[in-house]
C-alpha atoms as a PDB file:
ATOM      1  CA  VAL A   1       0.000   0.000   0.000  1.00  0.00           C
ATOM      2  CA  ALA A   2       2.812   2.370   0.914  1.00  0.00           C
ATOM      3  CA  GLU A   3       4.527   1.678  -2.419  1.00  0.00           C
ATOM      4  CA  ARG A   4       1.243   2.267  -4.276  1.00  0.00           C
ATOM      5  CA  ASP A   5       0.651   5.584  -2.486  1.00  0.00           C
ATOM      6  CA  SER A   6       4.219   6.647  -3.244  1.00  0.00           C
ATOM      7  CA  LEU A   7       3.806   5.824  -6.943  1.00  0.00           C
ATOM      8  CA  LEU A   8       0.477   7.672  -7.112  1.00  0.00           C
ATOM      9  CA  LYS A   9       2.059  10.699  -5.438  1.00  0.00           C
ATOM     10  CA  GLN A  10       4.938  10.684  -7.932  1.00  0.00           C
ATOM     11  CA  LEU A  11       2.491  10.279 -10.816  1.00  0.00           C
ATOM     12  CA  GLY A  12       0.444  13.206  -9.547  1.00  0.00           C
ATOM     13  CA  GLN A  13       3.533  15.380  -9.308  1.00  0.00           C
ATOM     14  CA  SER A  14       4.532  14.357 -12.849  1.00  0.00           C
ATOM     15  CA  VAL A  15       1.077  15.225 -14.200  1.00  0.00           C
ATOM     16  CA  ASN A  16       1.085  18.564 -12.381  1.00  0.00           C
ATOM     17  CA  ASN A  17       4.560  19.377 -13.709  1.00  0.00           C
ATOM     18  CA  THR A  18       3.425  18.506 -17.249  1.00  0.00           C
ATOM     19  CA  ILE A  19       0.373  20.756 -16.916  1.00  0.00           C
ATOM     20  CA  GLU A  20       2.535  23.594 -15.595  1.00  0.00           C
ATOM     21  CA  ASP A  21       5.043  23.139 -18.431  1.00  0.00           C
ATOM     22  CA  ASN A  22       2.243  23.138 -21.012  1.00  0.00           C
ATOM     23  CA  ASN A  23       0.756  26.262 -19.441  1.00  0.00           C
ATOM     24  CA  GLU A  24       4.140  27.997 -19.598  1.00  0.00           C
ATOM     25  CA  ILE A  25       4.528  27.038 -23.272  1.00  0.00           C
ATOM     26  CA  SER A  26       0.996  28.248 -24.010  1.00  0.00           C
ATOM     27  CA  GLU A  27       1.588  31.531 -22.167  1.00  0.00           C
ATOM     28  CA  SER A  28       4.897  32.030 -23.994  1.00  0.00           C
ATOM     29  CA  LYS A  29       3.259  31.319 -27.349  1.00  0.00           C
ATOM     30  CA  SER A  30       0.327  33.659 -26.671  1.00  0.00           C
ATOM     31  CA  LYS A  31       2.736  36.349 -25.484  1.00  0.00           C
ATOM     32  CA  PHE A  32       4.326  36.436 -28.938  1.00  0.00           C
ATOM     33  CA  GLU A  33       1.259  35.582 -30.990  1.00  0.00           C
ATOM     34  CA  PHE A  34       0.961  37.930 -33.953  1.00  0.00           C
ATOM     35  CA  ASP A  35      -1.715  40.588 -33.561  1.00  0.00           C
ATOM     36  CA  GLU A  36      -1.806  43.192 -36.317  1.00  0.00           C
ATOM     37  CA  ALA A  37      -3.201  46.040 -34.222  1.00  0.00           C
ATOM     38  CA  THR A  38      -0.611  45.478 -31.492  1.00  0.00           C
ATOM     39  CA  VAL A  39       2.238  45.239 -33.977  1.00  0.00           C
ATOM     40  CA  ILE A  40       1.195  48.435 -35.784  1.00  0.00           C
ATOM     41  CA  SER A  41       1.011  50.260 -32.450  1.00  0.00           C
ATOM     42  CA  GLN A  42       4.661  49.285 -31.915  1.00  0.00           C
ATOM     43  CA  LEU A  43       5.834  51.004 -35.088  1.00  0.00           C
ATOM     44  CA  GLU A  44       7.635  54.270 -34.387  1.00  0.00           C
ATOM     45  CA  ILE A  45       6.961  56.702 -37.246  1.00  0.00           C
ATOM     46  CA  LYS A  46       8.490  60.086 -38.059  1.00  0.00           C
ATOM     47  CA  GLU A  47       7.283  62.243 -40.960  1.00  0.00           C
ATOM     48  CA  TYR A  48       9.473  64.463 -43.121  1.00  0.00           C
ATOM     49  CA  GLN A  49       8.521  66.630 -46.101  1.00  0.00           C
ATOM     50  CA  TYR A  50      10.825  68.017 -48.754  1.00  0.00           C
ATOM     51  CA  THR A  51      10.606  69.885 -52.069  1.00  0.00           C
ATOM     52  CA  ASP A  52      13.371  69.094 -54.550  1.00  0.00           C
ATOM     53  CA  SER A  53      15.112  71.321 -57.107  1.00  0.00           C
ATOM     54  CA  LEU A  54      12.404  70.535 -59.675  1.00  0.00           C
ATOM     55  CA  ASN A  55       9.778  71.810 -57.217  1.00  0.00           C
ATOM     56  CA  SER A  56       8.442  68.291 -56.706  1.00  0.00           C
ATOM     57  CA  PRO A  57       7.159  67.613 -53.181  1.00  0.00           C
ATOM     58  CA  TRP A  58       8.144  64.465 -51.293  1.00  0.00           C
ATOM     59  CA  LEU A  59       6.907  62.773 -48.153  1.00  0.00           C
ATOM     60  CA  PHE A  60       9.148  60.438 -46.182  1.00  0.00           C
ATOM     61  CA  LEU A  61       8.128  58.098 -43.389  1.00  0.00           C
ATOM     62  CA  VAL A  62      10.981  56.866 -41.223  1.00  0.00           C
ATOM     63  CA  ILE A  63       9.609  53.759 -39.545  1.00  0.00           C
ATOM     64  CA  LYS A  64      11.204  51.710 -36.781  1.00  0.00           C
ATOM     65  CA  ASN A  65       9.876  48.220 -36.134  1.00  0.00           C
ATOM     66  CA  ASN A  66       9.824  47.913 -32.342  1.00  0.00           C
ATOM     67  CA  SER A  67       7.787  44.701 -32.443  1.00  0.00           C
ATOM     68  CA  GLU A  68       9.137  41.182 -32.002  1.00  0.00           C
ATOM     69  CA  PHE A  69       8.092  40.243 -35.537  1.00  0.00           C
ATOM     70  CA  ASN A  70       9.598  40.500 -39.000  1.00  0.00           C
ATOM     71  CA  LEU A  71       7.003  42.217 -41.143  1.00  0.00           C
ATOM     72  CA  ASP A  72       5.591  42.736 -44.595  1.00  0.00           C
ATOM     73  CA  ILE A  73       3.845  46.110 -44.473  1.00  0.00           C
ATOM     74  CA  ASN A  74       1.667  48.155 -46.809  1.00  0.00           C
ATOM     75  CA  ILE A  75       1.113  51.908 -46.528  1.00  0.00           C
ATOM     76  CA  ASP A  76      -1.907  53.531 -48.175  1.00  0.00           C
ATOM     77  CA  LEU A  77      -1.440  57.296 -48.365  1.00  0.00           C
ATOM     78  CA  LYS A  78      -3.897  60.092 -49.102  1.00  0.00           C
ATOM     79  CA  THR A  79      -3.008  63.781 -49.319  1.00  0.00           C
ATOM     80  CA  PHE A  80      -5.383  66.745 -49.282  1.00  0.00           C
ATOM     81  CA  GLY A  81      -5.351  70.399 -50.290  1.00  0.00           C
ATOM     82  CA  SER A  82      -6.227  73.382 -48.117  1.00  0.00           C
ATOM     83  CA  ASN A  83      -9.931  73.125 -48.991  1.00  0.00           C
ATOM     84  CA  GLY A  84     -10.033  69.407 -48.207  1.00  0.00           C
ATOM     85  CA  ASN A  85      -9.876  68.203 -51.803  1.00  0.00           C
ATOM     86  CA  LEU A  86      -8.064  64.933 -52.439  1.00  0.00           C
ATOM     87  CA  LEU A  87      -4.707  65.495 -54.149  1.00  0.00           C
ATOM     88  CA  ALA A  88      -3.182  62.018 -54.246  1.00  0.00           C
ATOM     89  CA  ALA A  89      -3.780  58.381 -53.338  1.00  0.00           C
ATOM     90  CA  LYS A  90      -0.629  56.272 -53.303  1.00  0.00           C
ATOM     91  CA  SER A  91       0.561  52.980 -51.893  1.00  0.00           C
ATOM     92  CA  GLU A  92       3.948  51.515 -50.975  1.00  0.00           C
ATOM     93  CA  ASP A  93       5.005  48.090 -49.719  1.00  0.00           C
ATOM     94  CA  GLN A  94       8.024  46.939 -47.753  1.00  0.00           C
ATOM     95  CA  GLU A  95       8.764  43.273 -47.340  1.00  0.00           C
ATOM     96  CA  ALA A  96      11.400  41.722 -45.049  1.00  0.00           C
ATOM     97  CA  PHE A  97      11.059  44.558 -42.514  1.00  0.00           C
ATOM     98  CA  GLU A  98      13.101  43.056 -39.722  1.00  0.00           C
ATOM     99  CA  SER A  99      12.279  43.381 -36.045  1.00  0.00           C
ATOM    100  CA  LYS A 100      14.181  46.303 -34.417  1.00  0.00           C
ATOM    101  CA  SER A 101      15.272  47.679 -37.801  1.00  0.00           C
ATOM    102  CA  GLU A 102      14.425  51.028 -39.411  1.00  0.00           C
ATOM    103  CA  ILE A 103      13.357  51.903 -42.956  1.00  0.00           C
ATOM    104  CA  ILE A 104      12.687  55.011 -45.036  1.00  0.00           C
ATOM    105  CA  VAL A 105       9.527  54.909 -47.158  1.00  0.00           C
ATOM    106  CA  SER A 106       9.329  57.638 -49.812  1.00  0.00           C
ATOM    107  CA  PHE A 107       6.385  59.115 -51.698  1.00  0.00           C
ATOM    108  CA  LEU A 108       6.852  61.456 -54.668  1.00  0.00           C
ATOM    109  CA  LEU A 109       3.812  63.744 -54.846  1.00  0.00           C
ATOM    110  CA  ASP A 110       2.373  65.979 -57.560  1.00  0.00           C
ATOM    111  CA  GLU A 111       1.290  68.787 -55.240  1.00  0.00           C
ATOM    112  CA  LYS A 112       2.360  69.933 -51.806  1.00  0.00           C
ATOM    113  CA  PRO A 113      -0.334  68.794 -49.362  1.00  0.00           C
ATOM    114  CA  SER A 114      -1.953  70.639 -46.496  1.00  0.00           C
ATOM    115  CA  LYS A 115      -3.039  67.413 -44.838  1.00  0.00           C
ATOM    116  CA  ILE A 116      -1.737  63.851 -44.884  1.00  0.00           C
ATOM    117  CA  GLU A 117      -3.487  60.627 -43.938  1.00  0.00           C
ATOM    118  CA  TYR A 118      -2.065  57.133 -44.132  1.00  0.00           C
ATOM    119  CA  ASN A 119      -3.100  53.661 -43.102  1.00  0.00           C
ATOM    120  CA  ILE A 120      -0.610  50.889 -42.394  1.00  0.00           C
ATOM    121  CA  SER A 121      -1.418  47.201 -42.628  1.00  0.00           C
ATOM    122  CA  ALA A 122       1.037  44.522 -41.535  1.00  0.00           C
ATOM    123  CA  GLU A 123       1.543  40.795 -41.862  1.00  0.00           C
ATOM    124  CA  GLU A 124       4.181  38.577 -40.365  1.00  0.00           C
ATOM    125  CA  GLU A 125       6.868  38.002 -43.006  1.00  0.00           C
ATOM    126  CA  ASP A 126       6.703  34.355 -44.060  1.00  0.00           C
ATOM    127  CA  PHE A 127       8.263  34.407 -47.527  1.00  0.00           C
ATOM    128  CA  TYR A 128      11.557  36.309 -47.402  1.00  0.00           C
ATOM    129  CA  GLN A 129      14.337  36.033 -44.850  1.00  0.00           C
ATOM    130  CA  CYS A 130      15.421  39.333 -43.313  1.00  0.00           C
ATOM    131  CA  VAL A 131      19.037  40.488 -43.545  1.00  0.00           C
ATOM    132  CA  ALA A 132      19.133  43.951 -41.949  1.00  0.00           C
ATOM    133  CA  SER A 133      20.678  42.706 -38.692  1.00  0.00           C
ATOM    134  CA  GLU A 134      23.503  41.076 -40.666  1.00  0.00           C
ATOM    135  CA  LEU A 135      24.448  44.333 -42.397  1.00  0.00           C
ATOM    136  CA  SER A 136      26.586  47.133 -41.012  1.00  0.00           C
ATOM    137  CA  TYR A 137      27.826  50.361 -42.534  1.00  0.00           C
ATOM    138  CA  LYS A 138      30.467  53.032 -42.132  1.00  0.00           C
ATOM    139  CA  SER A 139      30.156  56.536 -43.538  1.00  0.00           C
ATOM    140  CA  ASN A 140      32.876  58.982 -44.514  1.00  0.00           C
ATOM    141  CA  SER A 141      31.979  62.592 -45.247  1.00  0.00           C
ATOM    142  CA  ALA A 142      33.535  64.175 -48.334  1.00  0.00           C
ATOM    143  CA  LYS A 143      32.763  67.177 -50.513  1.00  0.00           C
ATOM    144  CA  ASP A 144      29.028  67.209 -51.344  1.00  0.00           C
ATOM    145  CA  LYS A 145      28.581  63.558 -50.383  1.00  0.00           C
ATOM    146  CA  GLU A 146      28.710  60.678 -47.958  1.00  0.00           C
ATOM    147  CA  ILE A 147      30.788  57.667 -48.966  1.00  0.00           C
ATOM    148  CA  ILE A 148      29.047  54.707 -47.376  1.00  0.00           C
ATOM    149  CA  SER A 149      30.516  51.217 -47.097  1.00  0.00           C
ATOM    150  CA  VAL A 150      28.114  48.359 -46.366  1.00  0.00           C
ATOM    151  CA  THR A 151      29.388  45.016 -45.071  1.00  0.00           C
ATOM    152  CA  ASN A 152      27.571  41.694 -44.999  1.00  0.00           C
ATOM    153  CA  ASN A 153      28.481  40.149 -41.639  1.00  0.00           C
ATOM    154  CA  GLY A 154      26.271  37.092 -42.182  1.00  0.00           C
ATOM    155  CA  ASN A 155      27.048  33.617 -43.482  1.00  0.00           C
ATOM    156  CA  GLU A 156      24.865  33.906 -46.595  1.00  0.00           C
ATOM    157  CA  SER A 157      24.478  36.441 -49.382  1.00  0.00           C
ATOM    158  CA  ALA A 158      22.147  39.412 -48.885  1.00  0.00           C
ATOM    159  CA  ASP A 159      20.028  40.198 -51.943  1.00  0.00           C
ATOM    160  CA  PHE A 160      18.847  43.536 -53.369  1.00  0.00           C
ATOM    161  CA  VAL A 161      20.378  45.637 -50.600  1.00  0.00           C
ATOM    162  CA  GLN A 162      19.167  49.225 -50.899  1.00  0.00           C
ATOM    163  CA  GLY A 163      20.371  52.225 -48.948  1.00  0.00           C
ATOM    164  CA  ASP A 164      18.147  55.291 -48.495  1.00  0.00           C
ATOM    165  CA  ILE A 165      19.486  58.527 -47.064  1.00  0.00           C
ATOM    166  CA  LEU A 166      17.879  61.749 -45.882  1.00  0.00           C
ATOM    167  CA  PHE A 167      20.229  64.717 -45.577  1.00  0.00           C
ATOM    168  CA  LEU A 168      19.113  67.167 -42.890  1.00  0.00           C
ATOM    169  CA  LYS A 169      19.905  70.707 -41.810  1.00  0.00           C
ATOM    170  CA  ASN A 170      18.604  71.659 -38.357  1.00  0.00           C
ATOM    171  CA  GLY A 171      16.289  68.650 -38.493  1.00  0.00           C
ATOM    172  CA  VAL A 172      14.787  69.591 -41.879  1.00  0.00           C
ATOM    173  CA  VAL A 173      15.301  67.455 -44.996  1.00  0.00           C
ATOM    174  CA  VAL A 174      17.360  69.262 -47.641  1.00  0.00           C
ATOM    175  CA  ASP A 175      18.003  66.318 -49.974  1.00  0.00           C
ATOM    176  CA  TYR A 176      17.274  62.648 -50.517  1.00  0.00           C
ATOM    177  CA  SER A 177      19.098  59.886 -52.329  1.00  0.00           C
ATOM    178  CA  TYR A 178      19.210  56.128 -52.598  1.00  0.00           C
ATOM    179  CA  THR A 179      21.346  53.470 -54.219  1.00  0.00           C
ATOM    180  CA  TYR A 180      21.805  49.708 -54.361  1.00  0.00           C
ATOM    181  CA  PHE A 181      24.744  48.028 -52.686  1.00  0.00           C
ATOM    182  CA  SER A 182      25.240  44.934 -54.806  1.00  0.00           C
ATOM    183  CA  ASP A 183      27.642  43.134 -57.100  1.00  0.00           C
ATOM    184  CA  ASP A 184      26.930  41.760 -60.578  1.00  0.00           C
ATOM    185  CA  ASP A 185      24.740  39.077 -58.975  1.00  0.00           C
ATOM    186  CA  PHE A 186      22.600  41.740 -57.237  1.00  0.00           C
ATOM    187  CA  GLU A 187      23.852  40.689 -53.807  1.00  0.00           C
ATOM    188  CA  ILE A 188      26.487  41.263 -51.153  1.00  0.00           C
ATOM    189  CA  LYS A 189      28.312  38.029 -50.501  1.00  0.00           C
ATOM    190  CA  PRO A 190      29.275  36.961 -46.963  1.00  0.00           C
ATOM    191  CA  GLY A 191      32.146  38.998 -45.552  1.00  0.00           C
ATOM    192  CA  LYS A 192      32.197  41.393 -48.505  1.00  0.00           C
ATOM    193  CA  THR A 193      31.968  45.192 -48.400  1.00  0.00           C
ATOM    194  CA  ILE A 194      30.540  47.440 -51.111  1.00  0.00           C
ATOM    195  CA  SER A 195      31.057  51.221 -51.103  1.00  0.00           C
ATOM    196  CA  LYS A 196      28.921  53.843 -52.831  1.00  0.00           C
ATOM    197  CA  GLU A 197      28.709  57.632 -52.977  1.00  0.00           C
ATOM    198  CA  LEU A 198      25.483  59.407 -52.045  1.00  0.00           C
ATOM    199  CA  THR A 199      25.618  63.060 -53.046  1.00  0.00           C
ATOM    200  CA  CYS A 200      24.050  66.171 -51.556  1.00  0.00           C
ATOM    201  CA  TYR A 201      24.642  69.638 -52.983  1.00  0.00           C
ATOM    202  CA  GLU A 202      22.920  71.419 -50.097  1.00  0.00           C
ATOM    203  CA  ASN A 203      24.482  72.224 -46.750  1.00  0.00           C
ATOM    204  CA  TYR A 204      23.622  69.526 -44.214  1.00  0.00           C
ATOM    205  CA  ASP A 205      24.627  68.769 -40.647  1.00  0.00           C
ATOM    206  CA  SER A 206      23.255  65.240 -40.195  1.00  0.00           C
ATOM    207  CA  PHE A 207      21.670  62.389 -42.084  1.00  0.00           C
ATOM    208  CA  ILE A 208      19.392  59.387 -41.630  1.00  0.00           C
ATOM    209  CA  PHE A 209      20.545  56.247 -43.432  1.00  0.00           C
ATOM    210  CA  CYS A 210      18.586  52.985 -43.601  1.00  0.00           C
ATOM    211  CA  LEU A 211      19.240  49.651 -45.278  1.00  0.00           C
ATOM    212  CA  THR A 212      16.779  47.134 -46.652  1.00  0.00           C
ATOM    213  CA  GLY A 213      17.347  43.765 -48.283  1.00  0.00           C
ATOM    214  CA  ARG A 214      16.224  40.176 -48.221  1.00  0.00           C
ATOM    215  CA  ARG A 215      17.159  36.595 -48.930  1.00  0.00           C
END
């Protein structure tokens, strides 16, 4: 009888431990379960406007992904004139938007808006692999430009790596440029560095530079 009671007690403890372990797994899973509204609320967004030398207005959204998820996002933008009339309706996508990374999304407009509205939708990225965390860059200032060198610190090639840069003076955008950092195979191979010049013919005192890519 004593042996039976001891076995039953051990079995009960084992069952309880299994239930507790399953509860912990369930709680951990639910903690990181993808919820679009929550993820979108964790995006940190800064707006910048700029008019180029051809008098074309631009809108830039600098977006940081503070969520725990790699994302595929879509941005639907509407701009309005001073009397409330609709000036533009545009859309941009960004796939392989890695958790904790930052991107620059640009919109070239036809008219300078008085009001801007945009809606962001997001899905968990399940097609492309993200590479932003495997990339690093160094910048050297020269006459009318930044010379930026991007290195792939990962073990696999990074494809279609694009660098976007906003040049700022006192926090205001004075120029914008972008370029691709890639070899003849449209990639940066592991351990390799590619350097490019990004020019600005306006006086600037700082810049925002972001990289995107995928695998």
